[in-house]
Amino acid sequence: MARHRYYVVAMDEQWAVKAGDDHCIPCATQDEAVCTAKRVAKQHHRSGDLSEIIVPDQHGYPRTAWSYG
């Protein structure tokens, strides 16, 4: 079973979805970034895999906000 992690991160004055070192999708808000991450995770999901979206909490610590699989 493979595990895929999508990170919602703050970048300057916007948000982004990062998947590995290669992929970065800029978004205007954190909510938009979470929705984008869910869409991307569902598109790339394979049976038996686990996909997670990691979002910083109010203190900046990473927390799993959503998982699929």
PDB file of N, CA and C in Angstrom:
ATOM      1  N   MET A   1       0.841  -1.172   0.000  1.00  0.00           N
ATOM      2  CA  MET A   1       0.000   0.000   0.000  1.00  0.00           C
ATOM      3  C   MET A   1       0.889   1.239   0.000  1.00  0.00           C
ATOM      4  N   ALA A   2       0.667   2.101  -0.945  1.00  0.00           N
ATOM      5  CA  ALA A   2       1.420   3.357  -1.023  1.00  0.00           C
ATOM      6  C   ALA A   2       0.694   4.450  -0.234  1.00  0.00           C
ATOM      7  N   ARG A   3       1.462   5.388   0.279  1.00  0.00           N
ATOM      8  CA  ARG A   3       0.894   6.531   0.996  1.00  0.00           C
ATOM      9  C   ARG A   3       1.279   7.796   0.241  1.00  0.00           C
ATOM     10  N   HIS A   4       0.268   8.594  -0.080  1.00  0.00           N
ATOM     11  CA  HIS A   4       0.489   9.847  -0.793  1.00  0.00           C
ATOM     12  C   HIS A   4       0.083  10.988   0.137  1.00  0.00           C
ATOM     13  N   ARG A   5       0.980  11.944   0.309  1.00  0.00           N
ATOM     14  CA  ARG A   5       0.688  13.080   1.185  1.00  0.00           C
ATOM     15  C   ARG A   5       0.673  14.363   0.370  1.00  0.00           C
ATOM     16  N   TYR A   6      -0.335  15.155   0.636  1.00  0.00           N
ATOM     17  CA  TYR A   6      -0.498  16.457  -0.003  1.00  0.00           C
ATOM     18  C   TYR A   6      -0.483  17.497   1.113  1.00  0.00           C
ATOM     19  N   TYR A   7       0.446  18.429   1.029  1.00  0.00           N
ATOM     20  CA  TYR A   7       0.620  19.427   2.078  1.00  0.00           C
ATOM     21  C   TYR A   7       0.026  20.760   1.647  1.00  0.00           C
ATOM     22  N   VAL A   8      -0.803  21.344   2.518  1.00  0.00           N
ATOM     23  CA  VAL A   8      -1.310  22.692   2.314  1.00  0.00           C
ATOM     24  C   VAL A   8      -0.377  23.608   3.105  1.00  0.00           C
ATOM     25  N   VAL A   9       0.294  24.520   2.395  1.00  0.00           N
ATOM     26  CA  VAL A   9       1.308  25.356   3.025  1.00  0.00           C
ATOM     27  C   VAL A   9       1.080  26.831   2.699  1.00  0.00           C
ATOM     28  N   ALA A  10       1.465  27.696   3.630  1.00  0.00           N
ATOM     29  CA  ALA A  10       1.417  29.142   3.400  1.00  0.00           C
ATOM     30  C   ALA A  10       2.684  29.547   2.650  1.00  0.00           C
ATOM     31  N   MET A  11       2.488  30.345   1.611  1.00  0.00           N
ATOM     32  CA  MET A  11       3.621  30.839   0.817  1.00  0.00           C
ATOM     33  C   MET A  11       3.410  32.329   0.582  1.00  0.00           C
ATOM     34  N   ASP A  12       4.256  33.150   1.195  1.00  0.00           N
ATOM     35  CA  ASP A  12       4.106  34.602   1.112  1.00  0.00           C
ATOM     36  C   ASP A  12       2.690  34.979   1.553  1.00  0.00           C
ATOM     37  N   GLU A  13       1.893  35.558   0.666  1.00  0.00           N
ATOM     38  CA  GLU A  13       0.538  35.966   1.039  1.00  0.00           C
ATOM     39  C   GLU A  13      -0.528  35.099   0.390  1.00  0.00           C
ATOM     40  N   GLN A  14      -0.176  33.875   0.033  1.00  0.00           N
ATOM     41  CA  GLN A  14      -1.137  32.943  -0.536  1.00  0.00           C
ATOM     42  C   GLN A  14      -0.876  31.555   0.033  1.00  0.00           C
ATOM     43  N   TRP A  15      -1.639  30.583  -0.430  1.00  0.00           N
ATOM     44  CA  TRP A  15      -1.505  29.203  -0.005  1.00  0.00           C
ATOM     45  C   TRP A  15      -1.149  28.348  -1.199  1.00  0.00           C
ATOM     46  N   ALA A  16      -0.672  27.144  -0.935  1.00  0.00           N
ATOM     47  CA  ALA A  16      -0.324  26.234  -2.025  1.00  0.00           C
ATOM     48  C   ALA A  16      -0.501  24.795  -1.571  1.00  0.00           C
ATOM     49  N   VAL A  17      -0.674  23.923  -2.556  1.00  0.00           N
ATOM     50  CA  VAL A  17      -0.707  22.482  -2.325  1.00  0.00           C
ATOM     51  C   VAL A  17       0.610  21.937  -2.844  1.00  0.00           C
ATOM     52  N   LYS A  18       1.331  21.219  -1.981  1.00  0.00           N
ATOM     53  CA  LYS A  18       2.600  20.622  -2.389  1.00  0.00           C
ATOM     54  C   LYS A  18       2.476  19.099  -2.302  1.00  0.00           C
ATOM     55  N   ALA A  19       2.952  18.453  -3.346  1.00  0.00           N
ATOM     56  CA  ALA A  19       2.992  16.995  -3.386  1.00  0.00           C
ATOM     57  C   ALA A  19       4.399  16.624  -3.816  1.00  0.00           C
ATOM     58  N   GLY A  20       5.226  16.256  -2.867  1.00  0.00           N
ATOM     59  CA  GLY A  20       6.623  15.982  -3.186  1.00  0.00           C
ATOM     60  C   GLY A  20       7.360  17.284  -3.451  1.00  0.00           C
ATOM     61  N   ASP A  21       8.543  17.173  -4.016  1.00  0.00           N
ATOM     62  CA  ASP A  21       9.350  18.355  -4.290  1.00  0.00           C
ATOM     63  C   ASP A  21       9.024  18.985  -5.634  1.00  0.00           C
ATOM     64  N   ASP A  22       8.361  18.224  -6.505  1.00  0.00           N
ATOM     65  CA  ASP A  22       8.149  18.680  -7.875  1.00  0.00           C
ATOM     66  C   ASP A  22       6.888  19.505  -8.076  1.00  0.00           C
ATOM     67  N   HIS A  23       5.829  19.192  -7.379  1.00  0.00           N
ATOM     68  CA  HIS A  23       4.529  19.768  -7.664  1.00  0.00           C
ATOM     69  C   HIS A  23       4.112  20.795  -6.627  1.00  0.00           C
ATOM     70  N   CYS A  24       3.701  21.962  -7.099  1.00  0.00           N
ATOM     71  CA  CYS A  24       3.209  23.022  -6.237  1.00  0.00           C
ATOM     72  C   CYS A  24       2.082  23.730  -6.982  1.00  0.00           C
ATOM     73  N   ILE A  25       0.893  23.757  -6.382  1.00  0.00           N
ATOM     74  CA  ILE A  25      -0.265  24.405  -6.999  1.00  0.00           C
ATOM     75  C   ILE A  25      -0.639  25.610  -6.140  1.00  0.00           C
ATOM     76  N   PRO A  26      -0.458  26.832  -6.635  1.00  0.00           N
ATOM     77  CA  PRO A  26      -0.812  28.019  -5.854  1.00  0.00           C
ATOM     78  C   PRO A  26      -2.329  28.190  -5.742  1.00  0.00           C
ATOM     79  N   CYS A  27      -2.767  28.704  -4.591  1.00  0.00           N
ATOM     80  CA  CYS A  27      -4.189  28.950  -4.328  1.00  0.00           C
ATOM     81  C   CYS A  27      -4.315  30.264  -3.558  1.00  0.00           C
ATOM     82  N   ALA A  28      -5.471  30.905  -3.672  1.00  0.00           N
ATOM     83  CA  ALA A  28      -5.680  32.200  -3.020  1.00  0.00           C
ATOM     84  C   ALA A  28      -5.903  32.080  -1.511  1.00  0.00           C
ATOM     85  N   THR A  29      -6.607  31.022  -1.091  1.00  0.00           N
ATOM     86  CA  THR A  29      -6.941  30.864   0.326  1.00  0.00           C
ATOM     87  C   THR A  29      -6.615  29.449   0.796  1.00  0.00           C
ATOM     88  N   GLN A  30      -6.609  29.281   2.116  1.00  0.00           N
ATOM     89  CA  GLN A  30      -6.375  27.951   2.675  1.00  0.00           C
ATOM     90  C   GLN A  30      -7.519  27.008   2.297  1.00  0.00           C
ATOM     91  N   ASP A  31      -8.752  27.485   2.348  1.00  0.00           N
ATOM     92  CA  ASP A  31      -9.891  26.637   1.979  1.00  0.00           C
ATOM     93  C   ASP A  31      -9.798  26.180   0.529  1.00  0.00           C
ATOM     94  N   GLU A  32      -9.407  27.079  -0.365  1.00  0.00           N
ATOM     95  CA  GLU A  32      -9.245  26.714  -1.771  1.00  0.00           C
ATOM     96  C   GLU A  32      -8.145  25.665  -1.920  1.00  0.00           C
ATOM     97  N   ALA A  33      -7.076  25.809  -1.154  1.00  0.00           N
ATOM     98  CA  ALA A  33      -5.966  24.852  -1.216  1.00  0.00           C
ATOM     99  C   ALA A  33      -6.409  23.469  -0.737  1.00  0.00           C
ATOM    100  N   VAL A  34      -7.221  23.404   0.320  1.00  0.00           N
ATOM    101  CA  VAL A  34      -7.717  22.118   0.823  1.00  0.00           C
ATOM    102  C   VAL A  34      -8.619  21.468  -0.226  1.00  0.00           C
ATOM    103  N   CYS A  35      -9.511  22.245  -0.837  1.00  0.00           N
ATOM    104  CA  CYS A  35     -10.393  21.701  -1.886  1.00  0.00           C
ATOM    105  C   CYS A  35      -9.580  21.207  -3.082  1.00  0.00           C
ATOM    106  N   THR A  36      -8.560  21.953  -3.458  1.00  0.00           N
ATOM    107  CA  THR A  36      -7.692  21.550  -4.565  1.00  0.00           C
ATOM    108  C   THR A  36      -6.953  20.268  -4.219  1.00  0.00           C
ATOM    109  N   ALA A  37      -6.448  20.182  -2.993  1.00  0.00           N
ATOM    110  CA  ALA A  37      -5.733  18.983  -2.557  1.00  0.00           C
ATOM    111  C   ALA A  37      -6.646  17.760  -2.590  1.00  0.00           C
ATOM    112  N   LYS A  38      -7.907  17.910  -2.158  1.00  0.00           N
ATOM    113  CA  LYS A  38      -8.861  16.793  -2.197  1.00  0.00           C
ATOM    114  C   LYS A  38      -9.103  16.340  -3.635  1.00  0.00           C
ATOM    115  N   ARG A  39      -9.275  17.302  -4.520  1.00  0.00           N
ATOM    116  CA  ARG A  39      -9.527  16.959  -5.926  1.00  0.00           C
ATOM    117  C   ARG A  39      -8.342  16.203  -6.516  1.00  0.00           C
ATOM    118  N   VAL A  40      -7.132  16.705  -6.278  1.00  0.00           N
ATOM    119  CA  VAL A  40      -5.920  16.068  -6.805  1.00  0.00           C
ATOM    120  C   VAL A  40      -5.740  14.681  -6.193  1.00  0.00           C
ATOM    121  N   ALA A  41      -5.967  14.563  -4.887  1.00  0.00           N
ATOM    122  CA  ALA A  41      -5.817  13.266  -4.218  1.00  0.00           C
ATOM    123  C   ALA A  41      -6.777  12.237  -4.798  1.00  0.00           C
ATOM    124  N   LYS A  42      -8.018  12.633  -5.038  1.00  0.00           N
ATOM    125  CA  LYS A  42      -9.000  11.702  -5.601  1.00  0.00           C
ATOM    126  C   LYS A  42      -8.646  11.310  -7.034  1.00  0.00           C
ATOM    127  N   GLN A  43      -8.121  12.266  -7.814  1.00  0.00           N
ATOM    128  CA  GLN A  43      -7.751  11.990  -9.202  1.00  0.00           C
ATOM    129  C   GLN A  43      -6.596  10.997  -9.287  1.00  0.00           C
ATOM    130  N   HIS A  44      -5.649  11.076  -8.359  1.00  0.00           N
ATOM    131  CA  HIS A  44      -4.456  10.242  -8.413  1.00  0.00           C
ATOM    132  C   HIS A  44      -4.539   8.994  -7.537  1.00  0.00           C
ATOM    133  N   HIS A  45      -5.672   8.798  -6.888  1.00  0.00           N
ATOM    134  CA  HIS A  45      -5.830   7.671  -5.967  1.00  0.00           C
ATOM    135  C   HIS A  45      -5.911   6.344  -6.722  1.00  0.00           C
ATOM    136  N   ARG A  46      -5.236   5.351  -6.187  1.00  0.00           N
ATOM    137  CA  ARG A  46      -5.311   3.983  -6.702  1.00  0.00           C
ATOM    138  C   ARG A  46      -5.851   3.089  -5.598  1.00  0.00           C
ATOM    139  N   SER A  47      -6.556   2.054  -5.981  1.00  0.00           N
ATOM    140  CA  SER A  47      -7.136   1.127  -5.018  1.00  0.00           C
ATOM    141  C   SER A  47      -6.062   0.569  -4.089  1.00  0.00           C
ATOM    142  N   GLY A  48      -6.328   0.612  -2.805  1.00  0.00           N
ATOM    143  CA  GLY A  48      -5.383   0.098  -1.819  1.00  0.00           C
ATOM    144  C   GLY A  48      -4.411   1.132  -1.293  1.00  0.00           C
ATOM    145  N   ASP A  49      -4.342   2.301  -1.928  1.00  0.00           N
ATOM    146  CA  ASP A  49      -3.449   3.366  -1.479  1.00  0.00           C
ATOM    147  C   ASP A  49      -4.121   4.213  -0.404  1.00  0.00           C
ATOM    148  N   LEU A  50      -3.325   4.964   0.308  1.00  0.00           N
ATOM    149  CA  LEU A  50      -3.820   5.918   1.289  1.00  0.00           C
ATOM    150  C   LEU A  50      -3.371   7.306   0.863  1.00  0.00           C
ATOM    151  N   SER A  51      -4.309   8.227   0.770  1.00  0.00           N
ATOM    152  CA  SER A  51      -3.999   9.615   0.458  1.00  0.00           C
ATOM    153  C   SER A  51      -4.350  10.466   1.664  1.00  0.00           C
ATOM    154  N   GLU A  52      -3.464  11.394   2.039  1.00  0.00           N
ATOM    155  CA  GLU A  52      -3.685  12.266   3.189  1.00  0.00           C
ATOM    156  C   GLU A  52      -3.448  13.713   2.788  1.00  0.00           C
ATOM    157  N   ILE A  53      -4.228  14.596   3.405  1.00  0.00           N
ATOM    158  CA  ILE A  53      -3.996  16.030   3.252  1.00  0.00           C
ATOM    159  C   ILE A  53      -3.547  16.552   4.606  1.00  0.00           C
ATOM    160  N   ILE A  54      -2.387  17.178   4.600  1.00  0.00           N
ATOM    161  CA  ILE A  54      -1.788  17.698   5.823  1.00  0.00           C
ATOM    162  C   ILE A  54      -1.913  19.220   5.809  1.00  0.00           C
ATOM    163  N   VAL A  55      -2.502  19.780   6.886  1.00  0.00           N
ATOM    164  CA  VAL A  55      -2.747  21.216   6.993  1.00  0.00           C
ATOM    165  C   VAL A  55      -2.171  21.692   8.327  1.00  0.00           C
ATOM    166  N   PRO A  56      -1.557  22.880   8.362  1.00  0.00           N
ATOM    167  CA  PRO A  56      -1.062  23.384   9.643  1.00  0.00           C
ATOM    168  C   PRO A  56      -2.224  23.797  10.558  1.00  0.00           C
ATOM    169  N   ASP A  57      -2.100  23.472  11.856  1.00  0.00           N
ATOM    170  CA  ASP A  57      -3.127  23.903  12.805  1.00  0.00           C
ATOM    171  C   ASP A  57      -2.861  25.366  13.192  1.00  0.00           C
ATOM    172  N   GLN A  58      -3.603  25.875  14.159  1.00  0.00           N
ATOM    173  CA  GLN A  58      -3.480  27.284  14.543  1.00  0.00           C
ATOM    174  C   GLN A  58      -2.103  27.640  15.105  1.00  0.00           C
ATOM    175  N   HIS A  59      -1.327  26.627  15.497  1.00  0.00           N
ATOM    176  CA  HIS A  59       0.019  26.857  16.017  1.00  0.00           C
ATOM    177  C   HIS A  59       1.100  26.549  14.983  1.00  0.00           C
ATOM    178  N   GLY A  60       0.678  26.142  13.791  1.00  0.00           N
ATOM    179  CA  GLY A  60       1.624  25.843  12.725  1.00  0.00           C
ATOM    180  C   GLY A  60       2.080  24.397  12.661  1.00  0.00           C
ATOM    181  N   TYR A  61       1.545  23.549  13.541  1.00  0.00           N
ATOM    182  CA  TYR A  61       1.931  22.143  13.537  1.00  0.00           C
ATOM    183  C   TYR A  61       1.122  21.373  12.489  1.00  0.00           C
ATOM    184  N   PRO A  62       1.757  20.465  11.762  1.00  0.00           N
ATOM    185  CA  PRO A  62       1.026  19.719  10.732  1.00  0.00           C
ATOM    186  C   PRO A  62       0.043  18.727  11.328  1.00  0.00           C
ATOM    187  N   ARG A  63      -1.156  18.714  10.767  1.00  0.00           N
ATOM    188  CA  ARG A  63      -2.211  17.801  11.199  1.00  0.00           C
ATOM    189  C   ARG A  63      -2.890  17.213   9.967  1.00  0.00           C
ATOM    190  N   THR A  64      -3.302  15.959  10.055  1.00  0.00           N
ATOM    191  CA  THR A  64      -4.062  15.355   8.954  1.00  0.00           C
ATOM    192  C   THR A  64      -5.478  15.931   8.992  1.00  0.00           C
ATOM    193  N   ALA A  65      -5.851  16.603   7.904  1.00  0.00           N
ATOM    194  CA  ALA A  65      -7.173  17.216   7.812  1.00  0.00           C
ATOM    195  C   ALA A  65      -8.148  16.317   7.074  1.00  0.00           C
ATOM    196  N   TRP A  66      -7.623  15.388   6.274  1.00  0.00           N
ATOM    197  CA  TRP A  66      -8.485  14.541   5.441  1.00  0.00           C
ATOM    198  C   TRP A  66      -7.682  13.341   5.002  1.00  0.00           C
ATOM    199  N   SER A  67      -8.300  12.182   4.937  1.00  0.00           N
ATOM    200  CA  SER A  67      -7.626  11.006   4.394  1.00  0.00           C
ATOM    201  C   SER A  67      -8.623  10.226   3.558  1.00  0.00           C
ATOM    202  N   TYR A  68      -8.072   9.455   2.605  1.00  0.00           N
ATOM    203  CA  TYR A  68      -8.893   8.727   1.641  1.00  0.00           C
ATOM    204  C   TYR A  68      -8.206   7.415   1.351  1.00  0.00           C
ATOM    205  N   GLY A  69      -8.933   6.346   1.480  1.00  0.00           N
ATOM    206  CA  GLY A  69      -8.365   5.038   1.140  1.00  0.00           C
ATOM    207  C   GLY A  69      -8.306   4.094   2.297  1.00  0.00           C
TER     208      GLY A  69
END
